[in-house]
Amino acid sequence: MSRALVLGGGGPVGVAWEAGLLAGLAEQDVDLSNADLILGTSAGSFVGAQLARGKSPAEIAAPDLGGAVRPPATGVPPPDLSMLITKMLEAASGKRPAEEVRAEIGAWALNSATTGEEDLIARFASSLGGDFDGPWPTKSFACTAVDAADGSFRVWNKDAGIGLARAVASSCAVPGIYPPISFHGRRYMDGGMRTATNADLAKGYDAVIVIAVTLRSMPSFIGDVFRQRFEAELQSLRDSGSRVDVIIPDEESSAAFGLNLMDASRRHPSAQAGLRQGRIEAARIIQTWR
């Protein structure tokens, strides 16, 4: 039986929760790291890359489960992402070609004041072998990005020629917060600009587990649009013959997230909530994964 693990986006909070969730599942002998494909988008690309490189779920989660609680940033106003949210809704609505709308997001991202590209890549490189352009895992791993110039969608894997840390950084490059990442004369931004999970890329696998961080965290008037798109992804998997199971944050996990998925001070409680939920979800998930 072929199996795929899909890890969705969700900022630093999503990284912590997904890592804790995977650790909780593994404690109950449900080890999703043995997937034939690990597919990550944004936060999920960072968790998935570590998993594919052979780190255990417990090792990935350890910094957030055992580390000191990070203080919230002080004196720094949160970025205004209203334009980004508006454009993402427009792209998901289908009223205009999605690539066209994503190109407009890309133009805004390219002109936003952010940290440097090297600073962003370095954040991920330290956990992925230390090299900006280091090799990919031998285990099948892919992550997603969007071309900031034309809005086209890219899937990075070991055959794409891009280094692992650079690819992960591009997948995590949230417009307006982080810079699009350069590769071969192009610049790439967060793969979540297509969808938060891009789960339809796992079509054809016998069993697919989709971990979606953001579905409970969005207000209903926004979430309804993205949930419809997510349901379409799941249906495409089922239509291809896949058996599909989904894990989304439960109420306790959602409360641990707080209001801002980019708030690193929420990583510790979010990892703990993920660990607890993973232990609970294991009995259900094993039915799909075995």
Protein backbone atom coordinates (compact mmCIF):
# COMPACT_ATOMS: atom_id res chain seq x y z
CA MET A 1 0.00 0.00 0.00
CA SER A 2 1.31 3.45 -0.93
CA ARG A 3 0.91 6.23 1.63
CA ALA A 4 1.26 10.01 1.55
CA LEU A 5 1.48 12.53 4.38
CA VAL A 6 0.36 16.10 3.61
CA LEU A 7 1.45 18.83 6.03
CA GLY A 8 -0.24 22.21 5.62
CA GLY A 9 0.83 25.77 6.38
CA GLY A 10 0.29 27.70 9.59
CA GLY A 11 3.28 29.88 10.52
CA PRO A 12 5.55 29.24 13.53
CA VAL A 13 2.54 28.19 15.58
CA GLY A 14 1.67 25.61 12.93
CA VAL A 15 5.23 24.26 12.94
CA ALA A 16 5.02 23.68 16.69
CA TRP A 17 1.54 22.14 16.61
CA GLU A 18 2.30 19.80 13.69
CA ALA A 19 5.53 18.65 15.34
CA GLY A 20 3.75 18.02 18.64
CA LEU A 21 0.92 16.21 16.85
CA LEU A 22 3.33 13.90 15.02
CA ALA A 23 5.14 13.20 18.28
CA GLY A 24 1.87 12.33 20.00
CA LEU A 25 0.89 9.99 17.19
CA ALA A 26 4.31 8.32 17.27
CA GLU A 27 4.02 7.75 21.02
CA GLN A 28 0.97 5.63 20.21
CA ASP A 29 2.85 3.69 17.50
CA VAL A 30 1.42 5.67 14.59
CA ASP A 31 4.60 6.81 12.85
CA LEU A 32 3.68 8.90 9.81
CA SER A 33 7.35 9.37 8.89
CA ASN A 34 7.20 6.07 6.99
CA ALA A 35 5.06 7.68 4.28
CA ASP A 36 6.04 7.02 0.67
CA LEU A 37 5.59 10.74 0.02
CA ILE A 38 5.88 13.62 2.47
CA LEU A 39 4.40 16.79 0.98
CA GLY A 40 4.77 20.11 2.79
CA THR A 41 3.43 23.60 2.25
CA SER A 42 4.83 26.58 4.17
CA ALA A 43 5.11 25.53 7.84
CA GLY A 44 4.51 21.95 6.74
CA SER A 45 7.52 22.09 4.43
CA PHE A 46 9.83 22.73 7.39
CA VAL A 47 8.32 19.97 9.53
CA GLY A 48 8.19 17.60 6.56
CA ALA A 49 11.77 18.23 5.48
CA GLN A 50 13.06 17.38 8.94
CA LEU A 51 10.92 14.25 9.02
CA ALA A 52 12.18 13.18 5.59
CA ARG A 53 15.80 13.73 6.70
CA GLY A 54 15.33 11.13 9.40
CA LYS A 55 14.57 13.19 12.50
CA SER A 56 12.04 11.51 14.74
CA PRO A 57 8.81 13.37 15.53
CA ALA A 58 9.99 13.66 19.15
CA GLU A 59 13.25 15.30 18.03
CA ILE A 60 11.43 17.78 15.81
CA ALA A 61 9.01 18.73 18.58
CA ALA A 62 11.60 18.85 21.38
CA PRO A 63 12.62 22.53 21.02
CA ASP A 64 9.02 23.66 21.44
CA LEU A 65 7.88 21.05 23.93
CA GLY A 66 10.82 21.46 26.27
CA GLY A 67 12.08 24.92 25.51
CA ALA A 68 11.38 28.10 27.39
CA VAL A 69 8.23 29.96 26.46
CA ARG A 70 9.17 32.68 23.99
CA PRO A 71 8.06 36.18 24.97
CA PRO A 72 5.81 38.01 22.51
CA ALA A 73 7.46 40.66 20.39
CA THR A 74 7.14 44.11 21.97
CA GLY A 75 7.10 47.46 20.27
CA VAL A 76 6.73 45.96 16.80
CA PRO A 77 3.31 46.49 15.20
CA PRO A 78 1.96 43.46 13.37
CA PRO A 79 2.16 43.74 9.59
CA ASP A 80 -0.98 44.81 7.74
CA LEU A 81 -1.94 41.71 5.77
CA SER A 82 -5.41 42.87 4.76
CA MET A 83 -4.32 43.15 1.12
CA LEU A 84 -2.90 39.63 1.22
CA ILE A 85 -6.07 38.14 2.69
CA THR A 86 -8.25 40.00 0.19
CA LYS A 87 -6.20 38.74 -2.75
CA MET A 88 -6.06 35.17 -1.43
CA LEU A 89 -9.84 35.18 -1.16
CA GLU A 90 -10.10 36.51 -4.69
CA ALA A 91 -7.77 33.81 -6.02
CA ALA A 92 -9.73 31.09 -4.21
CA SER A 93 -13.09 32.40 -5.41
CA GLY A 94 -12.39 31.64 -9.08
CA LYS A 95 -13.71 35.01 -10.25
CA ARG A 96 -10.39 35.68 -11.98
CA PRO A 97 -7.57 33.38 -13.03
CA ALA A 98 -5.76 32.38 -9.84
CA GLU A 99 -2.29 32.83 -11.36
CA GLU A 100 -3.16 36.41 -12.31
CA VAL A 101 -4.20 37.23 -8.75
CA ARG A 102 -1.16 35.47 -7.29
CA ALA A 103 1.08 37.56 -9.55
CA GLU A 104 -0.44 40.67 -7.96
CA ILE A 105 0.36 39.22 -4.54
CA GLY A 106 3.89 38.57 -5.78
CA ALA A 107 4.33 42.15 -6.96
CA TRP A 108 3.28 43.35 -3.51
CA ALA A 109 5.63 40.86 -1.84
CA LEU A 110 8.58 41.98 -3.95
CA ASN A 111 8.02 45.58 -2.89
CA SER A 112 7.44 44.90 0.81
CA ALA A 113 10.09 45.80 3.37
CA THR A 114 11.24 42.54 5.01
CA THR A 115 14.37 40.84 6.30
CA GLY A 116 16.95 39.69 3.77
CA GLU A 117 16.71 36.43 1.85
CA GLU A 118 19.84 35.00 3.43
CA ASP A 119 18.49 35.64 6.92
CA LEU A 120 15.35 33.67 6.12
CA ILE A 121 17.19 30.75 4.51
CA ALA A 122 19.58 30.59 7.47
CA ARG A 123 16.64 30.08 9.86
CA PHE A 124 15.84 26.80 8.16
CA ALA A 125 19.33 25.71 7.14
CA SER A 126 20.46 25.21 10.74
CA SER A 127 17.88 22.42 11.14
CA LEU A 128 18.34 21.00 7.63
CA GLY A 129 22.03 20.21 7.48
CA GLY A 130 23.44 23.73 7.72
CA ASP A 131 23.87 24.31 3.98
CA PHE A 132 21.68 26.78 2.05
CA ASP A 133 21.90 24.61 -1.05
CA GLY A 134 22.43 21.23 0.56
CA PRO A 135 21.10 17.89 -0.72
CA TRP A 136 17.60 16.56 -0.44
CA PRO A 137 16.60 13.57 1.70
CA THR A 138 16.69 10.13 0.14
CA LYS A 139 13.07 9.70 1.29
CA SER A 140 10.52 11.14 -1.15
CA PHE A 141 9.82 14.72 -0.07
CA ALA A 142 8.31 17.66 -1.93
CA CYS A 143 7.34 21.19 -0.99
CA THR A 144 5.46 23.93 -2.76
CA ALA A 145 6.09 27.53 -3.80
CA VAL A 146 4.66 30.20 -6.10
CA ASP A 147 6.58 32.30 -8.64
CA ALA A 148 6.30 35.89 -7.44
CA ALA A 149 6.47 37.29 -10.98
CA ASP A 150 3.78 35.32 -12.80
CA GLY A 151 1.91 33.50 -10.03
CA SER A 152 2.71 30.05 -11.39
CA PHE A 153 2.82 27.14 -8.99
CA ARG A 154 5.98 25.13 -8.35
CA VAL A 155 6.60 21.84 -6.66
CA TRP A 156 10.18 21.41 -5.44
CA ASN A 157 11.67 17.93 -5.09
CA LYS A 158 15.10 16.33 -5.34
CA ASP A 159 15.02 16.63 -9.13
CA ALA A 160 14.33 20.39 -9.18
CA GLY A 161 17.98 21.36 -8.68
CA ILE A 162 17.27 23.70 -5.78
CA GLY A 163 18.89 23.20 -2.37
CA LEU A 164 16.68 21.88 0.40
CA ALA A 165 16.91 24.86 2.78
CA ARG A 166 16.38 27.32 -0.07
CA ALA A 167 13.30 25.39 -1.24
CA VAL A 168 11.84 25.25 2.27
CA ALA A 169 12.50 28.97 2.78
CA SER A 170 10.66 29.77 -0.46
CA SER A 171 7.71 27.63 0.65
CA CYS A 172 7.60 29.56 3.94
CA ALA A 173 8.09 33.06 2.46
CA VAL A 174 4.81 34.63 3.57
CA PRO A 175 4.24 37.75 1.43
CA GLY A 176 4.60 40.99 3.34
CA ILE A 177 6.47 39.27 6.18
CA TYR A 178 9.34 37.42 4.50
CA PRO A 179 11.13 38.06 1.18
CA PRO A 180 10.54 35.92 -1.90
CA ILE A 181 13.51 33.59 -2.36
CA SER A 182 15.78 33.68 -5.42
CA PHE A 183 16.54 30.67 -7.59
CA HIS A 184 17.85 30.71 -11.19
CA GLY A 185 16.83 34.31 -11.80
CA ARG A 186 13.30 33.93 -10.42
CA ARG A 187 11.90 34.64 -6.95
CA TYR A 188 9.47 32.40 -5.13
CA MET A 189 7.00 32.91 -2.30
CA ASP A 190 4.87 30.84 0.05
CA GLY A 191 3.24 27.79 -1.54
CA GLY A 192 0.18 28.51 0.57
CA MET A 193 -0.73 31.23 -1.92
CA ARG A 194 -2.25 28.40 -3.98
CA THR A 195 -3.86 26.55 -1.06
CA ALA A 196 -2.85 25.96 2.54
CA THR A 197 -2.33 22.23 1.95
CA ASN A 198 -2.09 21.56 -1.81
CA ALA A 199 -3.36 18.11 -0.89
CA ASP A 200 -4.49 17.30 -4.42
CA LEU A 201 -0.83 16.69 -5.31
CA ALA A 202 -1.06 13.38 -3.41
CA LYS A 203 -3.58 11.94 -5.88
CA GLY A 204 -3.16 8.25 -6.56
CA TYR A 205 -1.70 7.18 -3.23
CA ASP A 206 -3.70 4.45 -1.54
CA ALA A 207 -3.83 6.25 1.81
CA VAL A 208 -3.43 9.97 2.45
CA ILE A 209 -3.31 11.71 5.81
CA VAL A 210 -3.83 15.48 5.54
CA ILE A 211 -2.87 17.70 8.48
CA ALA A 212 -4.52 21.10 8.06
CA VAL A 213 -3.61 23.77 10.60
CA THR A 214 -5.64 26.77 9.50
CA LEU A 215 -9.20 25.53 9.00
CA ARG A 216 -10.40 26.32 12.53
CA SER A 217 -8.42 29.55 12.90
CA MET A 218 -10.14 31.61 10.20
CA PRO A 219 -13.28 33.69 10.71
CA SER A 220 -16.30 32.04 9.09
CA PHE A 221 -16.72 34.64 6.35
CA ILE A 222 -13.14 33.94 5.23
CA GLY A 223 -12.96 30.30 6.20
CA ASP A 224 -15.98 29.25 4.14
CA VAL A 225 -14.18 30.10 0.89
CA PHE A 226 -11.03 28.24 1.84
CA ARG A 227 -12.94 25.29 3.26
CA GLN A 228 -14.75 24.85 -0.06
CA ARG A 229 -11.39 24.81 -1.84
CA PHE A 230 -10.04 22.32 0.69
CA GLU A 231 -13.04 20.03 0.25
CA ALA A 232 -12.44 20.09 -3.50
CA GLU A 233 -8.85 18.95 -2.89
CA LEU A 234 -10.04 16.09 -0.71
CA GLN A 235 -12.62 15.07 -3.29
CA SER A 236 -9.96 14.95 -5.99
CA LEU A 237 -7.98 12.57 -3.79
CA ARG A 238 -11.00 10.35 -3.22
CA ASP A 239 -11.82 10.41 -6.93
CA SER A 240 -8.30 9.10 -7.62
CA GLY A 241 -8.98 6.13 -5.35
CA SER A 242 -7.22 7.39 -2.24
CA ARG A 243 -8.47 6.63 1.25
CA VAL A 244 -8.27 10.00 3.00
CA ASP A 245 -8.20 11.09 6.62
CA VAL A 246 -7.86 14.64 7.91
CA ILE A 247 -6.56 16.04 11.19
CA ILE A 248 -7.45 19.62 12.08
CA PRO A 249 -6.86 21.40 15.40
CA ASP A 250 -9.48 20.59 18.01
CA GLU A 251 -10.92 23.29 20.25
CA GLU A 252 -8.15 23.03 22.84
CA SER A 253 -5.46 23.27 20.19
CA SER A 254 -7.15 26.23 18.54
CA ALA A 255 -7.28 28.01 21.90
CA ALA A 256 -3.55 27.37 22.37
CA PHE A 257 -2.79 29.06 19.02
CA GLY A 258 -4.05 32.47 20.06
CA LEU A 259 -5.08 34.96 17.39
CA ASN A 260 -1.87 35.12 15.37
CA LEU A 261 -0.23 32.05 13.85
CA MET A 262 2.96 34.08 13.40
CA ASP A 263 3.29 34.69 17.16
CA ALA A 264 6.31 32.63 18.25
CA SER A 265 5.34 33.06 21.91
CA ARG A 266 2.50 30.58 21.25
CA ARG A 267 4.80 27.79 20.04
CA HIS A 268 5.23 26.08 23.41
CA PRO A 269 1.51 25.77 24.28
CA SER A 270 0.72 24.85 20.67
CA ALA A 271 3.27 22.01 20.66
CA GLN A 272 1.85 20.73 23.94
CA ALA A 273 -1.68 20.88 22.51
CA GLY A 274 -0.52 19.02 19.40
CA LEU A 275 1.12 16.31 21.51
CA ARG A 276 -2.10 15.81 23.47
CA GLN A 277 -4.23 15.74 20.33
CA GLY A 278 -1.88 13.34 18.57
CA ARG A 279 -2.22 10.84 21.40
CA ILE A 280 -6.00 11.06 21.04
CA GLU A 281 -6.10 10.90 17.23
CA ALA A 282 -3.86 7.84 16.96
CA ALA A 283 -6.60 5.23 17.36
CA ARG A 284 -8.56 6.79 14.50
CA ILE A 285 -5.64 7.48 12.17
CA ILE A 286 -4.18 3.98 12.39
CA GLN A 287 -7.28 2.65 10.62
CA THR A 288 -6.32 4.63 7.51
CA TRP A 289 -2.55 4.23 7.78
CA ARG A 290 -2.15 0.53 8.48
